[in-house]
Amino acid sequence: MSEPISPITLPPAINPQQEGEWLRLKLQQWLDSQFIPELVNQQIARRAAQIYLRQRFEGENDLGSLVIAIVTEMQAFDFSKSFYGEFAIANAVGEILLESIGINYCCGQLDS
């Protein structure tokens, strides 16, 4: 039987505003690099960063909970002008955050 994945906890937010802005920029860069840069990518990145920021202000440090919050709240976003959906955005945020804390997520493996 497989082992459950251990939770990944982010360090407490020292400067959540700066963290949110950093995430917004990184996510927009990722979105723009996957297909073509589009105005909607800015809106998606801004909304995902707002969700992330609010969660961090509320003291959330668990990566899984942050990703679930983004999936849940991004369901209300209008993705009709985008190639993306809420799951792709939440997964991208998770990958960006994993990379930022030095965790390699390649090929289904988590390596520190």
PDB file of N, CA and C in Angstrom:
ATOM      1  N   MET A   1       0.847  -1.170   0.000  1.00  0.00           N
ATOM      2  CA  MET A   1       0.000   0.000   0.000  1.00  0.00           C
ATOM      3  C   MET A   1       0.896   1.239   0.000  1.00  0.00           C
ATOM      4  N   SER A   2       0.462   2.288  -0.669  1.00  0.00           N
ATOM      5  CA  SER A   2       1.254   3.512  -0.742  1.00  0.00           C
ATOM      6  C   SER A   2       1.118   4.323   0.541  1.00  0.00           C
ATOM      7  N   GLU A   3       2.137   5.119   0.769  1.00  0.00           N
ATOM      8  CA  GLU A   3       2.171   5.972   1.956  1.00  0.00           C
ATOM      9  C   GLU A   3       1.488   7.299   1.656  1.00  0.00           C
ATOM     10  N   PRO A   4       0.764   7.862   2.625  1.00  0.00           N
ATOM     11  CA  PRO A   4       0.160   9.181   2.401  1.00  0.00           C
ATOM     12  C   PRO A   4       1.246  10.243   2.271  1.00  0.00           C
ATOM     13  N   ILE A   5       0.942  11.263   1.532  1.00  0.00           N
ATOM     14  CA  ILE A   5       1.879  12.371   1.347  1.00  0.00           C
ATOM     15  C   ILE A   5       1.867  13.226   2.604  1.00  0.00           C
ATOM     16  N   SER A   6       3.030  13.510   3.112  1.00  0.00           N
ATOM     17  CA  SER A   6       3.137  14.368   4.290  1.00  0.00           C
ATOM     18  C   SER A   6       2.732  15.788   3.936  1.00  0.00           C
ATOM     19  N   PRO A   7       2.104  16.479   4.879  1.00  0.00           N
ATOM     20  CA  PRO A   7       1.738  17.869   4.595  1.00  0.00           C
ATOM     21  C   PRO A   7       2.984  18.725   4.388  1.00  0.00           C
ATOM     22  N   ILE A   8       2.830  19.731   3.559  1.00  0.00           N
ATOM     23  CA  ILE A   8       3.916  20.682   3.319  1.00  0.00           C
ATOM     24  C   ILE A   8       3.486  22.004   3.922  1.00  0.00           C
ATOM     25  N   THR A   9       4.282  22.477   4.861  1.00  0.00           N
ATOM     26  CA  THR A   9       3.964  23.712   5.568  1.00  0.00           C
ATOM     27  C   THR A   9       4.910  24.814   5.124  1.00  0.00           C
ATOM     28  N   LEU A  10       4.325  25.914   4.707  1.00  0.00           N
ATOM     29  CA  LEU A  10       5.123  27.082   4.331  1.00  0.00           C
ATOM     30  C   LEU A  10       5.556  27.816   5.587  1.00  0.00           C
ATOM     31  N   PRO A  11       6.677  28.502   5.529  1.00  0.00           N
ATOM     32  CA  PRO A  11       7.065  29.320   6.681  1.00  0.00           C
ATOM     33  C   PRO A  11       6.001  30.402   6.911  1.00  0.00           C
ATOM     34  N   PRO A  12       5.828  30.833   8.143  1.00  0.00           N
ATOM     35  CA  PRO A  12       4.858  31.909   8.391  1.00  0.00           C
ATOM     36  C   PRO A  12       5.193  33.132   7.529  1.00  0.00           C
ATOM     37  N   ALA A  13       4.154  33.812   7.101  1.00  0.00           N
ATOM     38  CA  ALA A  13       4.340  34.989   6.240  1.00  0.00           C
ATOM     39  C   ALA A  13       4.906  36.140   7.060  1.00  0.00           C
ATOM     40  N   ILE A  14       6.055  36.629   6.659  1.00  0.00           N
ATOM     41  CA  ILE A  14       6.673  37.791   7.301  1.00  0.00           C
ATOM     42  C   ILE A  14       6.061  39.073   6.730  1.00  0.00           C
ATOM     43  N   ASN A  15       5.950  39.118   5.406  1.00  0.00           N
ATOM     44  CA  ASN A  15       5.381  40.269   4.718  1.00  0.00           C
ATOM     45  C   ASN A  15       4.380  39.754   3.682  1.00  0.00           C
ATOM     46  N   PRO A  16       3.146  39.466   4.102  1.00  0.00           N
ATOM     47  CA  PRO A  16       2.170  38.867   3.186  1.00  0.00           C
ATOM     48  C   PRO A  16       1.907  39.690   1.930  1.00  0.00           C
ATOM     49  N   GLN A  17       1.888  41.011   2.037  1.00  0.00           N
ATOM     50  CA  GLN A  17       1.649  41.859   0.862  1.00  0.00           C
ATOM     51  C   GLN A  17       2.722  41.623  -0.198  1.00  0.00           C
ATOM     52  N   GLN A  18       3.970  41.609   0.236  1.00  0.00           N
ATOM     53  CA  GLN A  18       5.081  41.387  -0.687  1.00  0.00           C
ATOM     54  C   GLN A  18       5.008  39.970  -1.269  1.00  0.00           C
ATOM     55  N   GLU A  19       4.658  39.005  -0.444  1.00  0.00           N
ATOM     56  CA  GLU A  19       4.524  37.620  -0.878  1.00  0.00           C
ATOM     57  C   GLU A  19       3.426  37.498  -1.945  1.00  0.00           C
ATOM     58  N   GLY A  20       2.302  38.164  -1.712  1.00  0.00           N
ATOM     59  CA  GLY A  20       1.198  38.137  -2.659  1.00  0.00           C
ATOM     60  C   GLY A  20       1.579  38.758  -3.994  1.00  0.00           C
ATOM     61  N   GLU A  21       2.296  39.858  -3.953  1.00  0.00           N
ATOM     62  CA  GLU A  21       2.737  40.521  -5.181  1.00  0.00           C
ATOM     63  C   GLU A  21       3.743  39.648  -5.926  1.00  0.00           C
ATOM     64  N   TRP A  22       4.650  39.025  -5.183  1.00  0.00           N
ATOM     65  CA  TRP A  22       5.613  38.108  -5.795  1.00  0.00           C
ATOM     66  C   TRP A  22       4.881  36.969  -6.491  1.00  0.00           C
ATOM     67  N   LEU A  23       3.887  36.379  -5.812  1.00  0.00           N
ATOM     68  CA  LEU A  23       3.137  35.268  -6.395  1.00  0.00           C
ATOM     69  C   LEU A  23       2.377  35.735  -7.638  1.00  0.00           C
ATOM     70  N   ARG A  24       1.772  36.910  -7.590  1.00  0.00           N
ATOM     71  CA  ARG A  24       1.042  37.439  -8.738  1.00  0.00           C
ATOM     72  C   ARG A  24       1.957  37.539  -9.952  1.00  0.00           C
ATOM     73  N   LEU A  25       3.140  38.091  -9.755  1.00  0.00           N
ATOM     74  CA  LEU A  25       4.088  38.236 -10.864  1.00  0.00           C
ATOM     75  C   LEU A  25       4.563  36.887 -11.396  1.00  0.00           C
ATOM     76  N   LYS A  26       4.897  35.971 -10.495  1.00  0.00           N
ATOM     77  CA  LYS A  26       5.369  34.639 -10.909  1.00  0.00           C
ATOM     78  C   LYS A  26       4.281  33.882 -11.660  1.00  0.00           C
ATOM     79  N   LEU A  27       3.054  33.953 -11.157  1.00  0.00           N
ATOM     80  CA  LEU A  27       1.954  33.248 -11.817  1.00  0.00           C
ATOM     81  C   LEU A  27       1.672  33.852 -13.186  1.00  0.00           C
ATOM     82  N   GLN A  28       1.685  35.166 -13.283  1.00  0.00           N
ATOM     83  CA  GLN A  28       1.455  35.791 -14.585  1.00  0.00           C
ATOM     84  C   GLN A  28       2.556  35.403 -15.570  1.00  0.00           C
ATOM     85  N   GLN A  29       3.802  35.373 -15.110  1.00  0.00           N
ATOM     86  CA  GLN A  29       4.902  34.949 -15.983  1.00  0.00           C
ATOM     87  C   GLN A  29       4.674  33.513 -16.454  1.00  0.00           C
ATOM     88  N   TRP A  30       4.255  32.645 -15.544  1.00  0.00           N
ATOM     89  CA  TRP A  30       3.999  31.256 -15.904  1.00  0.00           C
ATOM     90  C   TRP A  30       2.872  31.167 -16.923  1.00  0.00           C
ATOM     91  N   LEU A  31       1.769  31.873 -16.658  1.00  0.00           N
ATOM     92  CA  LEU A  31       0.626  31.864 -17.584  1.00  0.00           C
ATOM     93  C   LEU A  31       1.044  32.349 -18.970  1.00  0.00           C
ATOM     94  N   ASP A  32       1.779  33.460 -19.011  1.00  0.00           N
ATOM     95  CA  ASP A  32       2.206  34.031 -20.286  1.00  0.00           C
ATOM     96  C   ASP A  32       3.165  33.115 -21.034  1.00  0.00           C
ATOM     97  N   SER A  33       3.944  32.343 -20.309  1.00  0.00           N
ATOM     98  CA  SER A  33       4.930  31.471 -20.965  1.00  0.00           C
ATOM     99  C   SER A  33       4.318  30.168 -21.484  1.00  0.00           C
ATOM    100  N   GLN A  34       3.157  29.782 -20.992  1.00  0.00           N
ATOM    101  CA  GLN A  34       2.555  28.513 -21.392  1.00  0.00           C
ATOM    102  C   GLN A  34       1.900  28.572 -22.771  1.00  0.00           C
ATOM    103  N   PHE A  35       1.256  29.671 -23.092  1.00  0.00           N
ATOM    104  CA  PHE A  35       0.644  29.852 -24.407  1.00  0.00           C
ATOM    105  C   PHE A  35       1.096  31.199 -24.953  1.00  0.00           C
ATOM    106  N   ILE A  36       0.203  32.161 -24.938  1.00  0.00           N
ATOM    107  CA  ILE A  36       0.556  33.512 -25.368  1.00  0.00           C
ATOM    108  C   ILE A  36       0.139  34.491 -24.274  1.00  0.00           C
ATOM    109  N   PRO A  37       0.879  35.581 -24.133  1.00  0.00           N
ATOM    110  CA  PRO A  37       0.475  36.583 -23.141  1.00  0.00           C
ATOM    111  C   PRO A  37      -0.895  37.158 -23.515  1.00  0.00           C
ATOM    112  N   GLU A  38      -1.791  37.162 -22.539  1.00  0.00           N
ATOM    113  CA  GLU A  38      -3.133  37.698 -22.753  1.00  0.00           C
ATOM    114  C   GLU A  38      -3.522  38.540 -21.546  1.00  0.00           C
ATOM    115  N   LEU A  39      -4.394  39.501 -21.763  1.00  0.00           N
ATOM    116  CA  LEU A  39      -4.874  40.361 -20.693  1.00  0.00           C
ATOM    117  C   LEU A  39      -5.520  39.546 -19.575  1.00  0.00           C
ATOM    118  N   VAL A  40      -6.246  38.504 -19.935  1.00  0.00           N
ATOM    119  CA  VAL A  40      -6.930  37.701 -18.924  1.00  0.00           C
ATOM    120  C   VAL A  40      -5.936  37.053 -17.955  1.00  0.00           C
ATOM    121  N   ASN A  41      -4.711  36.808 -18.405  1.00  0.00           N
ATOM    122  CA  ASN A  41      -3.691  36.227 -17.518  1.00  0.00           C
ATOM    123  C   ASN A  41      -3.412  37.140 -16.328  1.00  0.00           C
ATOM    124  N   GLN A  42      -3.414  38.451 -16.569  1.00  0.00           N
ATOM    125  CA  GLN A  42      -3.216  39.408 -15.479  1.00  0.00           C
ATOM    126  C   GLN A  42      -4.357  39.304 -14.469  1.00  0.00           C
ATOM    127  N   GLN A  43      -5.562  39.182 -14.969  1.00  0.00           N
ATOM    128  CA  GLN A  43      -6.733  39.085 -14.104  1.00  0.00           C
ATOM    129  C   GLN A  43      -6.718  37.794 -13.297  1.00  0.00           C
ATOM    130  N   ILE A  44      -6.341  36.706 -13.940  1.00  0.00           N
ATOM    131  CA  ILE A  44      -6.259  35.412 -13.254  1.00  0.00           C
ATOM    132  C   ILE A  44      -5.209  35.475 -12.153  1.00  0.00           C
ATOM    133  N   ALA A  45      -4.028  35.982 -12.497  1.00  0.00           N
ATOM    134  CA  ALA A  45      -2.936  36.060 -11.519  1.00  0.00           C
ATOM    135  C   ALA A  45      -3.310  36.961 -10.350  1.00  0.00           C
ATOM    136  N   ARG A  46      -3.959  38.074 -10.641  1.00  0.00           N
ATOM    137  CA  ARG A  46      -4.378  38.999  -9.585  1.00  0.00           C
ATOM    138  C   ARG A  46      -5.375  38.319  -8.647  1.00  0.00           C
ATOM    139  N   ARG A  47      -6.353  37.614  -9.206  1.00  0.00           N
ATOM    140  CA  ARG A  47      -7.374  36.966  -8.376  1.00  0.00           C
ATOM    141  C   ARG A  47      -6.767  35.838  -7.539  1.00  0.00           C
ATOM    142  N   ALA A  48      -5.929  35.019  -8.133  1.00  0.00           N
ATOM    143  CA  ALA A  48      -5.292  33.926  -7.390  1.00  0.00           C
ATOM    144  C   ALA A  48      -4.425  34.481  -6.259  1.00  0.00           C
ATOM    145  N   ALA A  49      -3.702  35.565  -6.527  1.00  0.00           N
ATOM    146  CA  ALA A  49      -2.853  36.182  -5.502  1.00  0.00           C
ATOM    147  C   ALA A  49      -3.706  36.760  -4.375  1.00  0.00           C
ATOM    148  N   GLN A  50      -4.877  37.327  -4.704  1.00  0.00           N
ATOM    149  CA  GLN A  50      -5.770  37.851  -3.666  1.00  0.00           C
ATOM    150  C   GLN A  50      -6.245  36.736  -2.742  1.00  0.00           C
ATOM    151  N   ILE A  51      -6.613  35.614  -3.338  1.00  0.00           N
ATOM    152  CA  ILE A  51      -7.061  34.466  -2.535  1.00  0.00           C
ATOM    153  C   ILE A  51      -5.927  33.996  -1.639  1.00  0.00           C
ATOM    154  N   TYR A  52      -4.760  33.822  -2.228  1.00  0.00           N
ATOM    155  CA  TYR A  52      -3.581  33.387  -1.480  1.00  0.00           C
ATOM    156  C   TYR A  52      -3.287  34.355  -0.332  1.00  0.00           C
ATOM    157  N   LEU A  53      -3.301  35.640  -0.635  1.00  0.00           N
ATOM    158  CA  LEU A  53      -2.981  36.661   0.359  1.00  0.00           C
ATOM    159  C   LEU A  53      -3.968  36.617   1.529  1.00  0.00           C
ATOM    160  N   ARG A  54      -5.244  36.527   1.219  1.00  0.00           N
ATOM    161  CA  ARG A  54      -6.235  36.460   2.290  1.00  0.00           C
ATOM    162  C   ARG A  54      -6.031  35.223   3.167  1.00  0.00           C
ATOM    163  N   GLN A  55      -5.744  34.093   2.544  1.00  0.00           N
ATOM    164  CA  GLN A  55      -5.498  32.866   3.294  1.00  0.00           C
ATOM    165  C   GLN A  55      -4.284  33.018   4.209  1.00  0.00           C
ATOM    166  N   ARG A  56      -3.242  33.637   3.702  1.00  0.00           N
ATOM    167  CA  ARG A  56      -2.024  33.838   4.506  1.00  0.00           C
ATOM    168  C   ARG A  56      -2.283  34.809   5.650  1.00  0.00           C
ATOM    169  N   PHE A  57      -3.063  35.877   5.394  1.00  0.00           N
ATOM    170  CA  PHE A  57      -3.436  36.809   6.465  1.00  0.00           C
ATOM    171  C   PHE A  57      -4.213  36.091   7.560  1.00  0.00           C
ATOM    172  N   GLU A  58      -4.987  35.084   7.158  1.00  0.00           N
ATOM    173  CA  GLU A  58      -5.766  34.315   8.127  1.00  0.00           C
ATOM    174  C   GLU A  58      -4.929  33.250   8.837  1.00  0.00           C
ATOM    175  N   GLY A  59      -3.643  33.187   8.491  1.00  0.00           N
ATOM    176  CA  GLY A  59      -2.731  32.282   9.180  1.00  0.00           C
ATOM    177  C   GLY A  59      -2.556  30.924   8.535  1.00  0.00           C
ATOM    178  N   GLU A  60      -3.039  30.755   7.324  1.00  0.00           N
ATOM    179  CA  GLU A  60      -2.908  29.462   6.650  1.00  0.00           C
ATOM    180  C   GLU A  60      -1.488  29.285   6.126  1.00  0.00           C
ATOM    181  N   ASN A  61      -0.852  28.192   6.532  1.00  0.00           N
ATOM    182  CA  ASN A  61       0.509  27.879   6.094  1.00  0.00           C
ATOM    183  C   ASN A  61       0.602  26.533   5.388  1.00  0.00           C
ATOM    184  N   ASP A  62      -0.482  25.769   5.392  1.00  0.00           N
ATOM    185  CA  ASP A  62      -0.484  24.443   4.771  1.00  0.00           C
ATOM    186  C   ASP A  62      -0.680  24.582   3.261  1.00  0.00           C
ATOM    187  N   LEU A  63       0.264  24.075   2.497  1.00  0.00           N
ATOM    188  CA  LEU A  63       0.219  24.207   1.046  1.00  0.00           C
ATOM    189  C   LEU A  63      -1.029  23.565   0.462  1.00  0.00           C
ATOM    190  N   GLY A  64      -1.380  22.392   0.925  1.00  0.00           N
ATOM    191  CA  GLY A  64      -2.574  21.711   0.422  1.00  0.00           C
ATOM    192  C   GLY A  64      -3.832  22.525   0.645  1.00  0.00           C
ATOM    193  N   SER A  65      -3.958  23.125   1.805  1.00  0.00           N
ATOM    194  CA  SER A  65      -5.127  23.955   2.101  1.00  0.00           C
ATOM    195  C   SER A  65      -5.156  25.203   1.232  1.00  0.00           C
ATOM    196  N   LEU A  66      -3.997  25.779   0.974  1.00  0.00           N
ATOM    197  CA  LEU A  66      -3.922  26.949   0.097  1.00  0.00           C
ATOM    198  C   LEU A  66      -4.351  26.593  -1.319  1.00  0.00           C
ATOM    199  N   VAL A  67      -3.902  25.459  -1.815  1.00  0.00           N
ATOM    200  CA  VAL A  67      -4.254  25.023  -3.166  1.00  0.00           C
ATOM    201  C   VAL A  67      -5.758  24.750  -3.255  1.00  0.00           C
ATOM    202  N   ILE A  68      -6.323  24.094  -2.249  1.00  0.00           N
ATOM    203  CA  ILE A  68      -7.769  23.817  -2.240  1.00  0.00           C
ATOM    204  C   ILE A  68      -8.565  25.121  -2.206  1.00  0.00           C
ATOM    205  N   ALA A  69      -8.110  26.091  -1.420  1.00  0.00           N
ATOM    206  CA  ALA A  69      -8.795  27.383  -1.350  1.00  0.00           C
ATOM    207  C   ALA A  69      -8.787  28.069  -2.719  1.00  0.00           C
ATOM    208  N   ILE A  70      -7.670  27.984  -3.419  1.00  0.00           N
ATOM    209  CA  ILE A  70      -7.585  28.604  -4.740  1.00  0.00           C
ATOM    210  C   ILE A  70      -8.506  27.893  -5.729  1.00  0.00           C
ATOM    211  N   VAL A  71      -8.508  26.563  -5.726  1.00  0.00           N
ATOM    212  CA  VAL A  71      -9.421  25.815  -6.600  1.00  0.00           C
ATOM    213  C   VAL A  71     -10.865  26.222  -6.319  1.00  0.00           C
ATOM    214  N   THR A  72     -11.236  26.219  -5.065  1.00  0.00           N
ATOM    215  CA  THR A  72     -12.613  26.501  -4.675  1.00  0.00           C
ATOM    216  C   THR A  72     -13.048  27.907  -5.072  1.00  0.00           C
ATOM    217  N   GLU A  73     -12.227  28.889  -4.738  1.00  0.00           N
ATOM    218  CA  GLU A  73     -12.625  30.275  -4.997  1.00  0.00           C
ATOM    219  C   GLU A  73     -12.465  30.683  -6.455  1.00  0.00           C
ATOM    220  N   MET A  74     -11.553  30.041  -7.174  1.00  0.00           N
ATOM    221  CA  MET A  74     -11.389  30.374  -8.592  1.00  0.00           C
ATOM    222  C   MET A  74     -12.522  29.786  -9.432  1.00  0.00           C
ATOM    223  N   GLN A  75     -13.360  28.920  -8.865  1.00  0.00           N
ATOM    224  CA  GLN A  75     -14.509  28.395  -9.606  1.00  0.00           C
ATOM    225  C   GLN A  75     -15.466  29.518  -9.998  1.00  0.00           C
ATOM    226  N   ALA A  76     -15.456  30.605  -9.250  1.00  0.00           N
ATOM    227  CA  ALA A  76     -16.330  31.743  -9.555  1.00  0.00           C
ATOM    228  C   ALA A  76     -15.734  32.652 -10.634  1.00  0.00           C
ATOM    229  N   PHE A  77     -14.483  32.431 -11.007  1.00  0.00           N
ATOM    230  CA  PHE A  77     -13.827  33.263 -12.017  1.00  0.00           C
ATOM    231  C   PHE A  77     -14.309  32.847 -13.408  1.00  0.00           C
ATOM    232  N   ASP A  78     -14.476  33.810 -14.304  1.00  0.00           N
ATOM    233  CA  ASP A  78     -14.894  33.530 -15.676  1.00  0.00           C
ATOM    234  C   ASP A  78     -13.667  33.187 -16.522  1.00  0.00           C
ATOM    235  N   PHE A  79     -13.472  31.911 -16.780  1.00  0.00           N
ATOM    236  CA  PHE A  79     -12.333  31.445 -17.566  1.00  0.00           C
ATOM    237  C   PHE A  79     -12.651  31.346 -19.061  1.00  0.00           C
ATOM    238  N   SER A  80     -13.766  31.904 -19.499  1.00  0.00           N
ATOM    239  CA  SER A  80     -14.189  31.743 -20.892  1.00  0.00           C
ATOM    240  C   SER A  80     -13.208  32.363 -21.901  1.00  0.00           C
ATOM    241  N   LYS A  81     -12.398  33.319 -21.476  1.00  0.00           N
ATOM    242  CA  LYS A  81     -11.425  33.958 -22.371  1.00  0.00           C
ATOM    243  C   LYS A  81     -10.014  33.421 -22.140  1.00  0.00           C
ATOM    244  N   SER A  82      -9.915  32.255 -21.523  1.00  0.00           N
ATOM    245  CA  SER A  82      -8.614  31.708 -21.147  1.00  0.00           C
ATOM    246  C   SER A  82      -8.506  30.245 -21.560  1.00  0.00           C
ATOM    247  N   PHE A  83      -7.278  29.782 -21.682  1.00  0.00           N
ATOM    248  CA  PHE A  83      -7.022  28.366 -21.912  1.00  0.00           C
ATOM    249  C   PHE A  83      -7.029  27.588 -20.600  1.00  0.00           C
ATOM    250  N   TYR A  84      -7.076  28.283 -19.493  1.00  0.00           N
ATOM    251  CA  TYR A  84      -6.897  27.680 -18.184  1.00  0.00           C
ATOM    252  C   TYR A  84      -8.217  27.492 -17.454  1.00  0.00           C
ATOM    253  N   GLY A  85      -8.138  26.778 -16.341  1.00  0.00           N
ATOM    254  CA  GLY A  85      -9.255  26.598 -15.427  1.00  0.00           C
ATOM    255  C   GLY A  85      -8.730  26.648 -14.004  1.00  0.00           C
ATOM    256  N   GLU A  86      -9.619  26.518 -13.043  1.00  0.00           N
ATOM    257  CA  GLU A  86      -9.224  26.664 -11.642  1.00  0.00           C
ATOM    258  C   GLU A  86      -8.203  25.624 -11.190  1.00  0.00           C
ATOM    259  N   PHE A  87      -8.281  24.404 -11.718  1.00  0.00           N
ATOM    260  CA  PHE A  87      -7.327  23.376 -11.293  1.00  0.00           C
ATOM    261  C   PHE A  87      -5.923  23.673 -11.816  1.00  0.00           C
ATOM    262  N   ALA A  88      -5.825  24.117 -13.052  1.00  0.00           N
ATOM    263  CA  ALA A  88      -4.516  24.465 -13.614  1.00  0.00           C
ATOM    264  C   ALA A  88      -3.888  25.612 -12.836  1.00  0.00           C
ATOM    265  N   ILE A  89      -4.695  26.584 -12.454  1.00  0.00           N
ATOM    266  CA  ILE A  89      -4.174  27.732 -11.714  1.00  0.00           C
ATOM    267  C   ILE A  89      -3.708  27.306 -10.328  1.00  0.00           C
ATOM    268  N   ALA A  90      -4.529  26.545  -9.634  1.00  0.00           N
ATOM    269  CA  ALA A  90      -4.155  26.092  -8.293  1.00  0.00           C
ATOM    270  C   ALA A  90      -2.899  25.222  -8.332  1.00  0.00           C
ATOM    271  N   ASN A  91      -2.806  24.342  -9.320  1.00  0.00           N
ATOM    272  CA  ASN A  91      -1.610  23.504  -9.446  1.00  0.00           C
ATOM    273  C   ASN A  91      -0.377  24.340  -9.746  1.00  0.00           C
ATOM    274  N   ALA A  92      -0.517  25.349 -10.598  1.00  0.00           N
ATOM    275  CA  ALA A  92       0.607  26.233 -10.908  1.00  0.00           C
ATOM    276  C   ALA A  92       1.065  26.973  -9.654  1.00  0.00           C
ATOM    277  N   VAL A  93       0.118  27.471  -8.879  1.00  0.00           N
ATOM    278  CA  VAL A  93       0.470  28.153  -7.620  1.00  0.00           C
ATOM    279  C   VAL A  93       1.218  27.182  -6.709  1.00  0.00           C
ATOM    280  N   GLY A  94       0.728  25.957  -6.600  1.00  0.00           N
ATOM    281  CA  GLY A  94       1.408  24.959  -5.773  1.00  0.00           C
ATOM    282  C   GLY A  94       2.838  24.715  -6.230  1.00  0.00           C
ATOM    283  N   GLU A  95       3.034  24.578  -7.535  1.00  0.00           N
ATOM    284  CA  GLU A  95       4.378  24.359  -8.069  1.00  0.00           C
ATOM    285  C   GLU A  95       5.293  25.553  -7.816  1.00  0.00           C
ATOM    286  N   ILE A  96       4.761  26.756  -8.000  1.00  0.00           N
ATOM    287  CA  ILE A  96       5.546  27.966  -7.745  1.00  0.00           C
ATOM    288  C   ILE A  96       5.968  28.028  -6.283  1.00  0.00           C
ATOM    289  N   LEU A  97       5.052  27.710  -5.390  1.00  0.00           N
ATOM    290  CA  LEU A  97       5.366  27.752  -3.958  1.00  0.00           C
ATOM    291  C   LEU A  97       6.345  26.652  -3.566  1.00  0.00           C
ATOM    292  N   LEU A  98       6.177  25.455  -4.125  1.00  0.00           N
ATOM    293  CA  LEU A  98       7.136  24.380  -3.849  1.00  0.00           C
ATOM    294  C   LEU A  98       8.538  24.787  -4.289  1.00  0.00           C
ATOM    295  N   GLU A  99       8.627  25.326  -5.487  1.00  0.00           N
ATOM    296  CA  GLU A  99       9.925  25.769  -5.999  1.00  0.00           C
ATOM    297  C   GLU A  99      10.539  26.833  -5.095  1.00  0.00           C
ATOM    298  N   SER A 100       9.698  27.723  -4.573  1.00  0.00           N
ATOM    299  CA  SER A 100      10.207  28.817  -3.743  1.00  0.00           C
ATOM    300  C   SER A 100      10.800  28.339  -2.421  1.00  0.00           C
ATOM    301  N   ILE A 101      10.353  27.179  -1.960  1.00  0.00           N
ATOM    302  CA  ILE A 101      10.912  26.646  -0.707  1.00  0.00           C
ATOM    303  C   ILE A 101      11.903  25.517  -0.964  1.00  0.00           C
ATOM    304  N   GLY A 102      12.292  25.359  -2.234  1.00  0.00           N
ATOM    305  CA  GLY A 102      13.361  24.425  -2.574  1.00  0.00           C
ATOM    306  C   GLY A 102      12.937  22.985  -2.680  1.00  0.00           C
ATOM    307  N   ILE A 103      11.683  22.722  -2.997  1.00  0.00           N
ATOM    308  CA  ILE A 103      11.226  21.340  -3.147  1.00  0.00           C
ATOM    309  C   ILE A 103      11.037  21.051  -4.624  1.00  0.00           C
ATOM    310  N   ASN A 104      11.699  19.988  -5.103  1.00  0.00           N
ATOM    311  CA  ASN A 104      11.594  19.560  -6.487  1.00  0.00           C
ATOM    312  C   ASN A 104      10.350  18.696  -6.616  1.00  0.00           C
ATOM    313  N   TYR A 105       9.473  19.022  -7.544  1.00  0.00           N
ATOM    314  CA  TYR A 105       8.208  18.319  -7.700  1.00  0.00           C
ATOM    315  C   TYR A 105       8.146  17.529  -9.006  1.00  0.00           C
ATOM    316  N   CYS A 106       9.262  17.311  -9.637  1.00  0.00           N
ATOM    317  CA  CYS A 106       9.300  16.657 -10.932  1.00  0.00           C
ATOM    318  C   CYS A 106       8.855  15.200 -10.877  1.00  0.00           C
ATOM    319  N   CYS A 107       8.138  14.812 -11.885  1.00  0.00           N
ATOM    320  CA  CYS A 107       7.833  13.403 -12.162  1.00  0.00           C
ATOM    321  C   CYS A 107       7.099  12.706 -11.019  1.00  0.00           C
ATOM    322  N   GLY A 108       6.262  13.406 -10.314  1.00  0.00           N
ATOM    323  CA  GLY A 108       5.485  12.793  -9.236  1.00  0.00           C
ATOM    324  C   GLY A 108       6.257  12.568  -7.956  1.00  0.00           C
ATOM    325  N   GLN A 109       7.487  13.031  -7.896  1.00  0.00           N
ATOM    326  CA  GLN A 109       8.318  12.842  -6.718  1.00  0.00           C
ATOM    327  C   GLN A 109       8.516  14.188  -6.028  1.00  0.00           C
ATOM    328  N   LEU A 110       8.573  14.175  -4.729  1.00  0.00           N
ATOM    329  CA  LEU A 110       8.899  15.383  -3.976  1.00  0.00           C
ATOM    330  C   LEU A 110      10.274  15.189  -3.361  1.00  0.00           C
ATOM    331  N   ASP A 111      11.228  15.947  -3.834  1.00  0.00           N
ATOM    332  CA  ASP A 111      12.592  15.876  -3.315  1.00  0.00           C
ATOM    333  C   ASP A 111      12.975  17.223  -2.739  1.00  0.00           C
ATOM    334  N   SER A 112      13.557  17.231  -1.555  1.00  0.00           N
ATOM    335  CA  SER A 112      14.025  18.483  -0.944  1.00  0.00           C
ATOM    336  C   SER A 112      15.457  18.728  -1.319  1.00  0.00           C
TER     337      SER A 112
END
